[in-house]
Amino acid sequence: MHVKAKQINNEIMIIHLEKEQLKQARRDLLRDDVYIIFVDALRQYHQEGYTTLAPAELYLSAKSFVGDVLQLPDIIEGIADEMDDILDEADNKDEAMLIMMVATGVFWAVGKKYKGVDSDAVIRIIYDRWVDHPLFFPMLDICAKKEQKKWLEGKKTNLLTCELESMKTDGTTEAEARDFLHPFLQQVCEYSDDTIEKVLNPLRDLNEMHSGMFDEEVNMLKRKLGVRNYNPTASVFPFINDSKNADLILSKIKKYQSGKTKAKDLAMPVRAAIDAGVIRRPSFCEYDDVEGFAKIPKSSLSDYTKPGQHPYDGAAYENIVKEFKNIV
């Protein structure tokens, strides 16, 4: 972490992060309810040029400010000077105001834990300082609309979805993605089915990119949704290209697997369906989620369905491919 040259009493007042630190902080803060409430407003004002600080930097600066204030022997008497210090270090008055407004949310969340701290009084002092600022009421309005639990769950999901999408292209390693995902997905599992479904699709894509690295996480969400009890024609099986004939396609694969024991024989109807164009190549996780499909080792399923390879040939195999083509 690097900071602006100016510090007050050797304390960092406003947080500045390097690119990689900012990315990690942004993801860590998805588990912070107060950040979730403020992030849209902070992003909007950053984009509109009121501050050069990213939402995560503004929020961490506000938390740092609150931590300093809570250490004061007399908060009511000392907070005005602390606000002056923030104003002195900020690039402009707008930036200082944004930090202070976020600080009121942090005070509300943590102030009750501190004996003798009157959070309401502290918040009123901050409000009195900034009530005439042109962004004061618009910011309050944005945040007030998003405090309800129903919104909070949905918004967290939207933010997580954005992070999953960005991980596909921003160079995030498998280890970094796993460290981020696991604790957050434990929270997601407490949410409604609609919320979980919004997370599942981008997570499947990321899992495909990393060759099943996140099978455990995908399966965790699917178990919560009760995927194995879903009708096979539902979009739960995204590898099926012809959804209206999903039942028939899956049934035919099971039919040709029946009575077989060797991995190559069990994978054959899957490969035939791929070659016929009625399904795409499923990941192991997707294959394993289909109730009634024969158990095939992950490496065998990968080998026998690998593009560019031709493990099956002959008239018998071509006839099976034609059967799948005729379903469409």
C-alpha atoms as a PDB file:
ATOM      1  CA  MET A   1       0.000   0.000   0.000  1.00  0.00           C
ATOM      2  CA  HIS A   2       1.279   3.490  -0.724  1.00  0.00           C
ATOM      3  CA  VAL A   3      -0.142   6.718   0.696  1.00  0.00           C
ATOM      4  CA  LYS A   4      -0.161  10.345  -0.163  1.00  0.00           C
ATOM      5  CA  ALA A   5       2.878  12.220   1.109  1.00  0.00           C
ATOM      6  CA  LYS A   6       0.888  14.129   3.669  1.00  0.00           C
ATOM      7  CA  GLN A   7       0.122  12.315   6.921  1.00  0.00           C
ATOM      8  CA  ILE A   8      -1.256  13.605  10.192  1.00  0.00           C
ATOM      9  CA  ASN A   9       0.668  12.689  13.340  1.00  0.00           C
ATOM     10  CA  ASN A  10       2.271   9.849  11.349  1.00  0.00           C
ATOM     11  CA  GLU A  11      -1.161   8.340  10.789  1.00  0.00           C
ATOM     12  CA  ILE A  12      -2.466   7.489   7.332  1.00  0.00           C
ATOM     13  CA  MET A  13      -5.597   9.528   6.793  1.00  0.00           C
ATOM     14  CA  ILE A  14      -6.577   8.716   3.214  1.00  0.00           C
ATOM     15  CA  ILE A  15      -5.878   5.302   1.746  1.00  0.00           C
ATOM     16  CA  HIS A  16      -4.376   4.866  -1.724  1.00  0.00           C
ATOM     17  CA  LEU A  17      -3.949   1.370  -3.142  1.00  0.00           C
ATOM     18  CA  GLU A  18      -1.926  -0.111  -5.966  1.00  0.00           C
ATOM     19  CA  LYS A  19      -3.865  -1.832  -8.747  1.00  0.00           C
ATOM     20  CA  GLU A  20      -3.548  -5.377  -7.376  1.00  0.00           C
ATOM     21  CA  GLN A  21      -4.231  -4.230  -3.812  1.00  0.00           C
ATOM     22  CA  LEU A  22      -7.322  -2.396  -5.005  1.00  0.00           C
ATOM     23  CA  LYS A  23      -8.633  -5.488  -6.773  1.00  0.00           C
ATOM     24  CA  GLN A  24      -8.180  -7.615  -3.647  1.00  0.00           C
ATOM     25  CA  ALA A  25      -9.673  -4.953  -1.355  1.00  0.00           C
ATOM     26  CA  ARG A  26     -12.707  -4.611  -3.620  1.00  0.00           C
ATOM     27  CA  ARG A  27     -13.335  -8.337  -3.396  1.00  0.00           C
ATOM     28  CA  ASP A  28     -12.758  -8.534   0.341  1.00  0.00           C
ATOM     29  CA  LEU A  29     -15.247  -5.713   0.895  1.00  0.00           C
ATOM     30  CA  LEU A  30     -18.043  -7.654  -0.774  1.00  0.00           C
ATOM     31  CA  ARG A  31     -18.520  -9.246   2.643  1.00  0.00           C
ATOM     32  CA  ASP A  32     -18.975  -5.840   4.310  1.00  0.00           C
ATOM     33  CA  ASP A  33     -22.622  -4.773   4.489  1.00  0.00           C
ATOM     34  CA  VAL A  34     -21.845  -1.065   4.920  1.00  0.00           C
ATOM     35  CA  TYR A  35     -19.643  -1.053   1.821  1.00  0.00           C
ATOM     36  CA  ILE A  36     -22.437  -2.715  -0.137  1.00  0.00           C
ATOM     37  CA  ILE A  37     -24.833   0.073   0.838  1.00  0.00           C
ATOM     38  CA  PHE A  38     -22.474   2.845  -0.257  1.00  0.00           C
ATOM     39  CA  VAL A  39     -20.658   1.363  -3.241  1.00  0.00           C
ATOM     40  CA  ASP A  40     -23.066   2.472  -5.983  1.00  0.00           C
ATOM     41  CA  ALA A  41     -23.039   6.083  -4.832  1.00  0.00           C
ATOM     42  CA  LEU A  42     -19.243   6.083  -4.477  1.00  0.00           C
ATOM     43  CA  ARG A  43     -18.785   4.577  -7.920  1.00  0.00           C
ATOM     44  CA  GLN A  44     -21.161   7.122  -9.461  1.00  0.00           C
ATOM     45  CA  TYR A  45     -19.377  10.100  -7.915  1.00  0.00           C
ATOM     46  CA  HIS A  46     -15.973   8.663  -8.862  1.00  0.00           C
ATOM     47  CA  GLN A  47     -17.108   8.324 -12.479  1.00  0.00           C
ATOM     48  CA  GLU A  48     -18.509  11.865 -12.434  1.00  0.00           C
ATOM     49  CA  GLY A  49     -15.117  13.236 -11.358  1.00  0.00           C
ATOM     50  CA  TYR A  50     -15.869  14.321  -7.804  1.00  0.00           C
ATOM     51  CA  THR A  51     -12.965  12.176  -6.566  1.00  0.00           C
ATOM     52  CA  THR A  52     -10.067  10.228  -8.025  1.00  0.00           C
ATOM     53  CA  LEU A  53     -10.374   7.627  -5.289  1.00  0.00           C
ATOM     54  CA  ALA A  54     -12.017   4.306  -6.104  1.00  0.00           C
ATOM     55  CA  PRO A  55     -14.980   3.190  -3.931  1.00  0.00           C
ATOM     56  CA  ALA A  56     -12.796   0.769  -1.974  1.00  0.00           C
ATOM     57  CA  GLU A  57     -10.242   3.516  -1.220  1.00  0.00           C
ATOM     58  CA  LEU A  58     -12.972   5.905  -0.073  1.00  0.00           C
ATOM     59  CA  TYR A  59     -14.483   3.233   2.145  1.00  0.00           C
ATOM     60  CA  LEU A  60     -11.174   2.170   3.702  1.00  0.00           C
ATOM     61  CA  SER A  61     -10.319   5.816   4.319  1.00  0.00           C
ATOM     62  CA  ALA A  62     -13.649   6.223   6.126  1.00  0.00           C
ATOM     63  CA  LYS A  63     -12.962   3.131   8.252  1.00  0.00           C
ATOM     64  CA  SER A  64      -9.514   4.464   9.108  1.00  0.00           C
ATOM     65  CA  PHE A  65     -11.081   7.787  10.119  1.00  0.00           C
ATOM     66  CA  VAL A  66     -13.636   6.047  12.340  1.00  0.00           C
ATOM     67  CA  GLY A  67     -10.904   3.979  13.978  1.00  0.00           C
ATOM     68  CA  ASP A  68      -8.957   7.126  14.819  1.00  0.00           C
ATOM     69  CA  VAL A  69     -12.012   8.933  16.178  1.00  0.00           C
ATOM     70  CA  LEU A  70     -12.986   6.019  18.420  1.00  0.00           C
ATOM     71  CA  GLN A  71      -9.595   6.266  20.106  1.00  0.00           C
ATOM     72  CA  LEU A  72     -10.135   9.883  21.148  1.00  0.00           C
ATOM     73  CA  PRO A  73     -10.572  10.485  24.888  1.00  0.00           C
ATOM     74  CA  ASP A  74     -13.471  12.843  24.089  1.00  0.00           C
ATOM     75  CA  ILE A  75     -15.024  12.082  20.723  1.00  0.00           C
ATOM     76  CA  ILE A  76     -17.571  14.890  20.712  1.00  0.00           C
ATOM     77  CA  GLU A  77     -14.898  17.513  21.381  1.00  0.00           C
ATOM     78  CA  GLY A  78     -12.256  16.021  19.086  1.00  0.00           C
ATOM     79  CA  ILE A  79     -14.110  14.920  15.972  1.00  0.00           C
ATOM     80  CA  ALA A  80     -14.183  18.394  14.391  1.00  0.00           C
ATOM     81  CA  ASP A  81     -10.379  18.502  14.293  1.00  0.00           C
ATOM     82  CA  GLU A  82     -10.285  15.009  12.793  1.00  0.00           C
ATOM     83  CA  MET A  83     -12.653  16.134  10.047  1.00  0.00           C
ATOM     84  CA  ASP A  84     -10.430  19.137   9.394  1.00  0.00           C
ATOM     85  CA  ASP A  85      -7.462  16.780   8.967  1.00  0.00           C
ATOM     86  CA  ILE A  86      -9.362  14.772   6.352  1.00  0.00           C
ATOM     87  CA  LEU A  87     -10.344  17.969   4.555  1.00  0.00           C
ATOM     88  CA  ASP A  88      -6.706  19.121   4.540  1.00  0.00           C
ATOM     89  CA  GLU A  89      -5.451  15.873   3.031  1.00  0.00           C
ATOM     90  CA  ALA A  90      -8.267  15.250   0.540  1.00  0.00           C
ATOM     91  CA  ASP A  91      -7.849  16.382  -3.054  1.00  0.00           C
ATOM     92  CA  ASN A  92     -10.975  18.494  -2.731  1.00  0.00           C
ATOM     93  CA  LYS A  93     -13.974  19.207  -0.545  1.00  0.00           C
ATOM     94  CA  ASP A  94     -16.147  16.729  -2.450  1.00  0.00           C
ATOM     95  CA  GLU A  95     -13.748  13.885  -1.680  1.00  0.00           C
ATOM     96  CA  ALA A  96     -13.663  14.772   2.010  1.00  0.00           C
ATOM     97  CA  MET A  97     -17.451  14.895   2.108  1.00  0.00           C
ATOM     98  CA  LEU A  98     -17.760  11.431   0.544  1.00  0.00           C
ATOM     99  CA  ILE A  99     -15.385   9.965   3.109  1.00  0.00           C
ATOM    100  CA  MET A 100     -17.288  11.586   5.956  1.00  0.00           C
ATOM    101  CA  MET A 101     -20.648  10.351   4.715  1.00  0.00           C
ATOM    102  CA  VAL A 102     -19.344   6.795   4.499  1.00  0.00           C
ATOM    103  CA  ALA A 103     -17.931   7.234   7.995  1.00  0.00           C
ATOM    104  CA  THR A 104     -21.456   7.846   9.323  1.00  0.00           C
ATOM    105  CA  GLY A 105     -22.446   4.398   8.075  1.00  0.00           C
ATOM    106  CA  VAL A 106     -19.404   2.821   9.687  1.00  0.00           C
ATOM    107  CA  PHE A 107     -20.147   4.634  12.968  1.00  0.00           C
ATOM    108  CA  TRP A 108     -23.692   3.312  12.880  1.00  0.00           C
ATOM    109  CA  ALA A 109     -22.445  -0.239  12.348  1.00  0.00           C
ATOM    110  CA  VAL A 110     -19.623  -0.346  14.893  1.00  0.00           C
ATOM    111  CA  GLY A 111     -20.332   2.473  17.305  1.00  0.00           C
ATOM    112  CA  LYS A 112     -22.772   0.453  19.408  1.00  0.00           C
ATOM    113  CA  LYS A 113     -19.975  -1.974  20.255  1.00  0.00           C
ATOM    114  CA  TYR A 114     -18.005   0.726  22.035  1.00  0.00           C
ATOM    115  CA  LYS A 115     -19.088   1.518  25.579  1.00  0.00           C
ATOM    116  CA  GLY A 116     -19.908   5.175  26.123  1.00  0.00           C
ATOM    117  CA  VAL A 117     -19.950   6.057  22.410  1.00  0.00           C
ATOM    118  CA  ASP A 118     -23.020   8.001  21.327  1.00  0.00           C
ATOM    119  CA  SER A 119     -23.113   7.080  17.640  1.00  0.00           C
ATOM    120  CA  ASP A 120     -26.183   9.202  16.986  1.00  0.00           C
ATOM    121  CA  ALA A 121     -24.472  12.295  18.340  1.00  0.00           C
ATOM    122  CA  VAL A 122     -21.346  11.658  16.287  1.00  0.00           C
ATOM    123  CA  ILE A 123     -23.385  11.161  13.116  1.00  0.00           C
ATOM    124  CA  ARG A 124     -25.319  14.376  13.766  1.00  0.00           C
ATOM    125  CA  ILE A 125     -22.066  16.308  14.058  1.00  0.00           C
ATOM    126  CA  ILE A 126     -20.901  14.982  10.692  1.00  0.00           C
ATOM    127  CA  TYR A 127     -24.281  15.704   9.110  1.00  0.00           C
ATOM    128  CA  ASP A 128     -24.292  19.254  10.479  1.00  0.00           C
ATOM    129  CA  ARG A 129     -20.863  19.808   8.921  1.00  0.00           C
ATOM    130  CA  TRP A 130     -21.906  18.642   5.453  1.00  0.00           C
ATOM    131  CA  VAL A 131     -25.666  19.218   5.207  1.00  0.00           C
ATOM    132  CA  ASP A 132     -25.218  22.164   2.830  1.00  0.00           C
ATOM    133  CA  HIS A 133     -23.010  20.222   0.416  1.00  0.00           C
ATOM    134  CA  PRO A 134     -24.816  19.650  -2.928  1.00  0.00           C
ATOM    135  CA  LEU A 135     -24.147  15.898  -2.806  1.00  0.00           C
ATOM    136  CA  PHE A 136     -25.439  15.437   0.760  1.00  0.00           C
ATOM    137  CA  PHE A 137     -29.102  14.661   0.093  1.00  0.00           C
ATOM    138  CA  PRO A 138     -28.589  12.861  -3.239  1.00  0.00           C
ATOM    139  CA  MET A 139     -26.111  10.517  -1.573  1.00  0.00           C
ATOM    140  CA  LEU A 140     -28.420   9.887   1.366  1.00  0.00           C
ATOM    141  CA  ASP A 141     -31.217   9.130  -1.056  1.00  0.00           C
ATOM    142  CA  ILE A 142     -29.145   6.601  -3.039  1.00  0.00           C
ATOM    143  CA  CYS A 143     -28.041   4.763   0.088  1.00  0.00           C
ATOM    144  CA  ALA A 144     -31.342   4.885   1.958  1.00  0.00           C
ATOM    145  CA  LYS A 145     -33.082   3.017  -0.852  1.00  0.00           C
ATOM    146  CA  LYS A 146     -30.630   0.155  -0.531  1.00  0.00           C
ATOM    147  CA  GLU A 147     -30.623  -0.695   3.146  1.00  0.00           C
ATOM    148  CA  GLN A 148     -33.340  -3.309   3.084  1.00  0.00           C
ATOM    149  CA  LYS A 149     -32.263  -6.915   3.406  1.00  0.00           C
ATOM    150  CA  LYS A 150     -33.903  -7.952   0.157  1.00  0.00           C
ATOM    151  CA  TRP A 151     -31.905  -5.380  -1.803  1.00  0.00           C
ATOM    152  CA  LEU A 152     -28.735  -6.165   0.083  1.00  0.00           C
ATOM    153  CA  GLU A 153     -28.788  -9.830  -0.874  1.00  0.00           C
ATOM    154  CA  GLY A 154     -29.482  -9.070  -4.501  1.00  0.00           C
ATOM    155  CA  LYS A 155     -26.849  -6.362  -4.695  1.00  0.00           C
ATOM    156  CA  LYS A 156     -24.189  -8.598  -3.216  1.00  0.00           C
ATOM    157  CA  THR A 157     -25.030 -11.121  -5.867  1.00  0.00           C
ATOM    158  CA  ASN A 158     -24.733  -8.528  -8.638  1.00  0.00           C
ATOM    159  CA  LEU A 159     -21.337  -7.453  -7.351  1.00  0.00           C
ATOM    160  CA  LEU A 160     -20.167 -11.034  -7.063  1.00  0.00           C
ATOM    161  CA  THR A 161     -21.335 -11.710 -10.603  1.00  0.00           C
ATOM    162  CA  CYS A 162     -19.282  -8.730 -11.821  1.00  0.00           C
ATOM    163  CA  GLU A 163     -16.227 -10.077 -10.017  1.00  0.00           C
ATOM    164  CA  LEU A 164     -16.693 -13.532 -11.522  1.00  0.00           C
ATOM    165  CA  GLU A 165     -16.928 -11.979 -14.984  1.00  0.00           C
ATOM    166  CA  SER A 166     -13.808  -9.853 -14.440  1.00  0.00           C
ATOM    167  CA  MET A 167     -11.836 -12.878 -13.225  1.00  0.00           C
ATOM    168  CA  LYS A 168     -12.139 -14.376 -16.699  1.00  0.00           C
ATOM    169  CA  THR A 169      -9.921 -11.699 -18.228  1.00  0.00           C
ATOM    170  CA  ASP A 170      -7.975  -9.870 -15.497  1.00  0.00           C
ATOM    171  CA  GLY A 171      -5.310 -12.518 -14.904  1.00  0.00           C
ATOM    172  CA  THR A 172      -6.694 -13.786 -11.607  1.00  0.00           C
ATOM    173  CA  THR A 173      -4.961 -17.050 -10.711  1.00  0.00           C
ATOM    174  CA  GLU A 174      -6.789 -20.173  -9.595  1.00  0.00           C
ATOM    175  CA  ALA A 175      -5.509 -19.760  -6.040  1.00  0.00           C
ATOM    176  CA  GLU A 176      -6.609 -16.109  -5.876  1.00  0.00           C
ATOM    177  CA  ALA A 177     -10.050 -16.961  -7.237  1.00  0.00           C
ATOM    178  CA  ARG A 178     -10.510 -19.805  -4.756  1.00  0.00           C
ATOM    179  CA  ASP A 179      -9.414 -17.646  -1.794  1.00  0.00           C
ATOM    180  CA  PHE A 180     -11.994 -15.047  -2.817  1.00  0.00           C
ATOM    181  CA  LEU A 181     -14.840 -17.380  -3.678  1.00  0.00           C
ATOM    182  CA  HIS A 182     -14.981 -19.886  -0.858  1.00  0.00           C
ATOM    183  CA  PRO A 183     -15.934 -17.662   2.113  1.00  0.00           C
ATOM    184  CA  PHE A 184     -18.284 -15.571  -0.014  1.00  0.00           C
ATOM    185  CA  LEU A 185     -20.090 -18.571  -1.441  1.00  0.00           C
ATOM    186  CA  GLN A 186     -20.654 -19.839   2.077  1.00  0.00           C
ATOM    187  CA  GLN A 187     -22.683 -16.652   2.605  1.00  0.00           C
ATOM    188  CA  VAL A 188     -24.481 -16.957  -0.704  1.00  0.00           C
ATOM    189  CA  CYS A 189     -25.775 -20.379   0.290  1.00  0.00           C
ATOM    190  CA  GLU A 190     -27.870 -18.678   2.961  1.00  0.00           C
ATOM    191  CA  TYR A 191     -29.744 -16.680   0.341  1.00  0.00           C
ATOM    192  CA  SER A 192     -32.798 -17.413  -1.737  1.00  0.00           C
ATOM    193  CA  ASP A 193     -32.791 -19.730  -4.755  1.00  0.00           C
ATOM    194  CA  ASP A 194     -33.171 -16.766  -7.129  1.00  0.00           C
ATOM    195  CA  THR A 195     -30.064 -15.164  -5.657  1.00  0.00           C
ATOM    196  CA  ILE A 196     -28.030 -18.353  -5.939  1.00  0.00           C
ATOM    197  CA  GLU A 197     -29.068 -18.912  -9.552  1.00  0.00           C
ATOM    198  CA  LYS A 198     -27.628 -15.496 -10.491  1.00  0.00           C
ATOM    199  CA  VAL A 199     -24.238 -16.600  -9.168  1.00  0.00           C
ATOM    200  CA  LEU A 200     -24.250 -20.109 -10.594  1.00  0.00           C
ATOM    201  CA  ASN A 201     -23.986 -19.323 -14.322  1.00  0.00           C
ATOM    202  CA  PRO A 202     -20.844 -17.121 -14.252  1.00  0.00           C
ATOM    203  CA  LEU A 203     -19.309 -19.496 -11.718  1.00  0.00           C
ATOM    204  CA  ARG A 204     -19.863 -22.389 -14.146  1.00  0.00           C
ATOM    205  CA  ASP A 205     -18.043 -20.430 -16.852  1.00  0.00           C
ATOM    206  CA  LEU A 206     -15.100 -19.727 -14.550  1.00  0.00           C
ATOM    207  CA  ASN A 207     -15.038 -23.387 -13.568  1.00  0.00           C
ATOM    208  CA  GLU A 208     -14.820 -24.363 -17.242  1.00  0.00           C
ATOM    209  CA  MET A 209     -11.872 -22.013 -17.740  1.00  0.00           C
ATOM    210  CA  HIS A 210     -10.003 -23.634 -14.857  1.00  0.00           C
ATOM    211  CA  SER A 211     -10.779 -27.237 -15.857  1.00  0.00           C
ATOM    212  CA  GLY A 212     -13.100 -28.022 -12.975  1.00  0.00           C
ATOM    213  CA  MET A 213     -11.082 -26.211 -10.306  1.00  0.00           C
ATOM    214  CA  PHE A 214     -14.312 -25.023  -8.698  1.00  0.00           C
ATOM    215  CA  ASP A 215     -16.329 -28.225  -8.928  1.00  0.00           C
ATOM    216  CA  GLU A 216     -16.732 -28.190  -5.152  1.00  0.00           C
ATOM    217  CA  GLU A 217     -18.155 -24.664  -5.132  1.00  0.00           C
ATOM    218  CA  VAL A 218     -20.456 -25.311  -8.105  1.00  0.00           C
ATOM    219  CA  ASN A 219     -21.749 -28.491  -6.495  1.00  0.00           C
ATOM    220  CA  MET A 220     -22.308 -26.672  -3.215  1.00  0.00           C
ATOM    221  CA  LEU A 221     -24.614 -24.173  -4.902  1.00  0.00           C
ATOM    222  CA  LYS A 222     -26.372 -26.853  -6.922  1.00  0.00           C
ATOM    223  CA  ARG A 223     -27.050 -28.899  -3.794  1.00  0.00           C
ATOM    224  CA  LYS A 224     -28.604 -25.820  -2.225  1.00  0.00           C
ATOM    225  CA  LEU A 225     -30.845 -25.456  -5.261  1.00  0.00           C
ATOM    226  CA  GLY A 226     -31.760 -29.126  -5.242  1.00  0.00           C
ATOM    227  CA  VAL A 227     -30.546 -29.518  -8.813  1.00  0.00           C
ATOM    228  CA  ARG A 228     -30.871 -33.303  -8.804  1.00  0.00           C
ATOM    229  CA  ASN A 229     -34.591 -32.951  -8.283  1.00  0.00           C
ATOM    230  CA  TYR A 230     -35.070 -30.578 -11.236  1.00  0.00           C
ATOM    231  CA  ASN A 231     -36.717 -31.608 -14.471  1.00  0.00           C
ATOM    232  CA  PRO A 232     -33.878 -32.399 -16.931  1.00  0.00           C
ATOM    233  CA  THR A 233     -35.451 -30.101 -19.497  1.00  0.00           C
ATOM    234  CA  ALA A 234     -34.683 -27.100 -17.304  1.00  0.00           C
ATOM    235  CA  SER A 235     -31.709 -24.845 -17.914  1.00  0.00           C
ATOM    236  CA  VAL A 236     -29.902 -26.600 -15.072  1.00  0.00           C
ATOM    237  CA  PHE A 237     -28.088 -28.586 -17.794  1.00  0.00           C
ATOM    238  CA  PRO A 238     -26.579 -25.780 -19.893  1.00  0.00           C
ATOM    239  CA  PHE A 239     -24.519 -28.170 -22.032  1.00  0.00           C
ATOM    240  CA  ILE A 240     -27.688 -29.225 -23.888  1.00  0.00           C
ATOM    241  CA  ASN A 241     -28.013 -27.261 -27.124  1.00  0.00           C
ATOM    242  CA  ASP A 242     -31.543 -28.436 -27.929  1.00  0.00           C
ATOM    243  CA  SER A 243     -33.426 -27.721 -24.693  1.00  0.00           C
ATOM    244  CA  LYS A 244     -36.844 -28.692 -26.034  1.00  0.00           C
ATOM    245  CA  ASN A 245     -35.596 -32.244 -26.630  1.00  0.00           C
ATOM    246  CA  ALA A 246     -33.476 -32.451 -23.488  1.00  0.00           C
ATOM    247  CA  ASP A 247     -35.431 -35.366 -22.014  1.00  0.00           C
ATOM    248  CA  LEU A 248     -34.957 -37.456 -25.151  1.00  0.00           C
ATOM    249  CA  ILE A 249     -31.276 -36.610 -25.486  1.00  0.00           C
ATOM    250  CA  LEU A 250     -30.480 -37.507 -21.880  1.00  0.00           C
ATOM    251  CA  SER A 251     -32.570 -40.668 -22.046  1.00  0.00           C
ATOM    252  CA  LYS A 252     -30.759 -41.850 -25.178  1.00  0.00           C
ATOM    253  CA  ILE A 253     -27.356 -41.315 -23.550  1.00  0.00           C
ATOM    254  CA  LYS A 254     -28.501 -43.352 -20.545  1.00  0.00           C
ATOM    255  CA  LYS A 255     -29.842 -46.060 -22.863  1.00  0.00           C
ATOM    256  CA  TYR A 256     -26.498 -46.550 -24.584  1.00  0.00           C
ATOM    257  CA  GLN A 257     -24.691 -46.541 -21.252  1.00  0.00           C
ATOM    258  CA  SER A 258     -26.932 -49.239 -19.835  1.00  0.00           C
ATOM    259  CA  GLY A 259     -25.107 -52.511 -19.237  1.00  0.00           C
ATOM    260  CA  LYS A 260     -21.698 -51.056 -20.064  1.00  0.00           C
ATOM    261  CA  THR A 261     -18.819 -51.035 -17.570  1.00  0.00           C
ATOM    262  CA  LYS A 262     -15.748 -49.743 -19.419  1.00  0.00           C
ATOM    263  CA  ALA A 263     -15.136 -45.994 -19.314  1.00  0.00           C
ATOM    264  CA  LYS A 264     -14.684 -45.786 -23.094  1.00  0.00           C
ATOM    265  CA  ASP A 265     -18.031 -47.479 -23.710  1.00  0.00           C
ATOM    266  CA  LEU A 266     -19.786 -45.293 -21.137  1.00  0.00           C
ATOM    267  CA  ALA A 267     -18.405 -42.094 -22.677  1.00  0.00           C
ATOM    268  CA  MET A 268     -19.289 -43.153 -26.229  1.00  0.00           C
ATOM    269  CA  PRO A 269     -22.937 -41.888 -26.312  1.00  0.00           C
ATOM    270  CA  VAL A 270     -21.809 -38.601 -24.758  1.00  0.00           C
ATOM    271  CA  ARG A 271     -19.275 -38.153 -27.546  1.00  0.00           C
ATOM    272  CA  ALA A 272     -21.869 -39.179 -30.137  1.00  0.00           C
ATOM    273  CA  ALA A 273     -24.262 -36.505 -28.850  1.00  0.00           C
ATOM    274  CA  ILE A 274     -21.440 -33.946 -29.048  1.00  0.00           C
ATOM    275  CA  ASP A 275     -20.567 -34.960 -32.602  1.00  0.00           C
ATOM    276  CA  ALA A 276     -24.254 -34.757 -33.510  1.00  0.00           C
ATOM    277  CA  GLY A 277     -24.369 -31.175 -32.223  1.00  0.00           C
ATOM    278  CA  VAL A 278     -27.217 -31.715 -29.746  1.00  0.00           C
ATOM    279  CA  ILE A 279     -24.971 -31.035 -26.738  1.00  0.00           C
ATOM    280  CA  ARG A 280     -21.694 -29.249 -26.179  1.00  0.00           C
ATOM    281  CA  ARG A 281     -18.820 -30.890 -24.337  1.00  0.00           C
ATOM    282  CA  PRO A 282     -19.907 -30.985 -20.673  1.00  0.00           C
ATOM    283  CA  SER A 283     -17.541 -30.368 -17.799  1.00  0.00           C
ATOM    284  CA  PHE A 284     -17.164 -33.229 -15.373  1.00  0.00           C
ATOM    285  CA  CYS A 285     -19.220 -31.300 -12.840  1.00  0.00           C
ATOM    286  CA  GLU A 286     -22.062 -30.805 -15.344  1.00  0.00           C
ATOM    287  CA  TYR A 287     -21.982 -34.465 -16.383  1.00  0.00           C
ATOM    288  CA  ASP A 288     -21.951 -35.676 -12.784  1.00  0.00           C
ATOM    289  CA  ASP A 289     -25.008 -33.577 -11.962  1.00  0.00           C
ATOM    290  CA  VAL A 290     -27.263 -35.523 -14.323  1.00  0.00           C
ATOM    291  CA  GLU A 291     -29.123 -38.116 -12.324  1.00  0.00           C
ATOM    292  CA  GLY A 292     -28.880 -41.546 -13.972  1.00  0.00           C
ATOM    293  CA  PHE A 293     -25.704 -40.936 -15.951  1.00  0.00           C
ATOM    294  CA  ALA A 294     -23.111 -43.674 -15.434  1.00  0.00           C
ATOM    295  CA  LYS A 295     -20.105 -42.870 -13.288  1.00  0.00           C
ATOM    296  CA  ILE A 296     -17.044 -42.148 -15.414  1.00  0.00           C
ATOM    297  CA  PRO A 297     -13.626 -41.078 -14.095  1.00  0.00           C
ATOM    298  CA  LYS A 298     -13.001 -37.401 -14.697  1.00  0.00           C
ATOM    299  CA  SER A 299      -9.857 -38.031 -16.745  1.00  0.00           C
ATOM    300  CA  SER A 300     -11.651 -40.588 -18.949  1.00  0.00           C
ATOM    301  CA  LEU A 301     -14.577 -38.280 -19.661  1.00  0.00           C
ATOM    302  CA  SER A 302     -12.114 -35.556 -20.601  1.00  0.00           C
ATOM    303  CA  ASP A 303     -10.057 -37.820 -22.867  1.00  0.00           C
ATOM    304  CA  TYR A 304     -12.983 -39.353 -24.751  1.00  0.00           C
ATOM    305  CA  THR A 305     -14.758 -36.032 -25.359  1.00  0.00           C
ATOM    306  CA  LYS A 306     -11.678 -33.935 -26.169  1.00  0.00           C
ATOM    307  CA  PRO A 307     -12.023 -31.837 -29.345  1.00  0.00           C
ATOM    308  CA  GLY A 308      -9.726 -32.876 -32.160  1.00  0.00           C
ATOM    309  CA  GLN A 309      -9.502 -36.459 -30.933  1.00  0.00           C
ATOM    310  CA  HIS A 310     -11.354 -39.325 -32.632  1.00  0.00           C
ATOM    311  CA  PRO A 311     -11.630 -42.197 -30.147  1.00  0.00           C
ATOM    312  CA  TYR A 312     -14.641 -43.735 -31.922  1.00  0.00           C
ATOM    313  CA  ASP A 313     -15.205 -44.756 -35.515  1.00  0.00           C
ATOM    314  CA  GLY A 314     -17.021 -47.337 -37.609  1.00  0.00           C
ATOM    315  CA  ALA A 315     -20.556 -47.720 -38.916  1.00  0.00           C
ATOM    316  CA  ALA A 316     -22.081 -48.564 -35.530  1.00  0.00           C
ATOM    317  CA  TYR A 317     -20.828 -45.332 -34.004  1.00  0.00           C
ATOM    318  CA  GLU A 318     -21.934 -43.273 -37.018  1.00  0.00           C
ATOM    319  CA  ASN A 319     -25.419 -44.724 -36.704  1.00  0.00           C
ATOM    320  CA  ILE A 320     -25.621 -43.576 -33.091  1.00  0.00           C
ATOM    321  CA  VAL A 321     -24.528 -40.092 -34.138  1.00  0.00           C
ATOM    322  CA  LYS A 322     -27.301 -40.080 -36.738  1.00  0.00           C
ATOM    323  CA  GLU A 323     -29.837 -41.103 -34.078  1.00  0.00           C
ATOM    324  CA  PHE A 324     -28.945 -38.049 -32.059  1.00  0.00           C
ATOM    325  CA  LYS A 325     -29.077 -35.815 -35.146  1.00  0.00           C
ATOM    326  CA  ASN A 326     -32.535 -37.123 -35.970  1.00  0.00           C
ATOM    327  CA  ILE A 327     -33.826 -35.929 -32.582  1.00  0.00           C
ATOM    328  CA  VAL A 328     -33.619 -32.297 -33.693  1.00  0.00           C
END
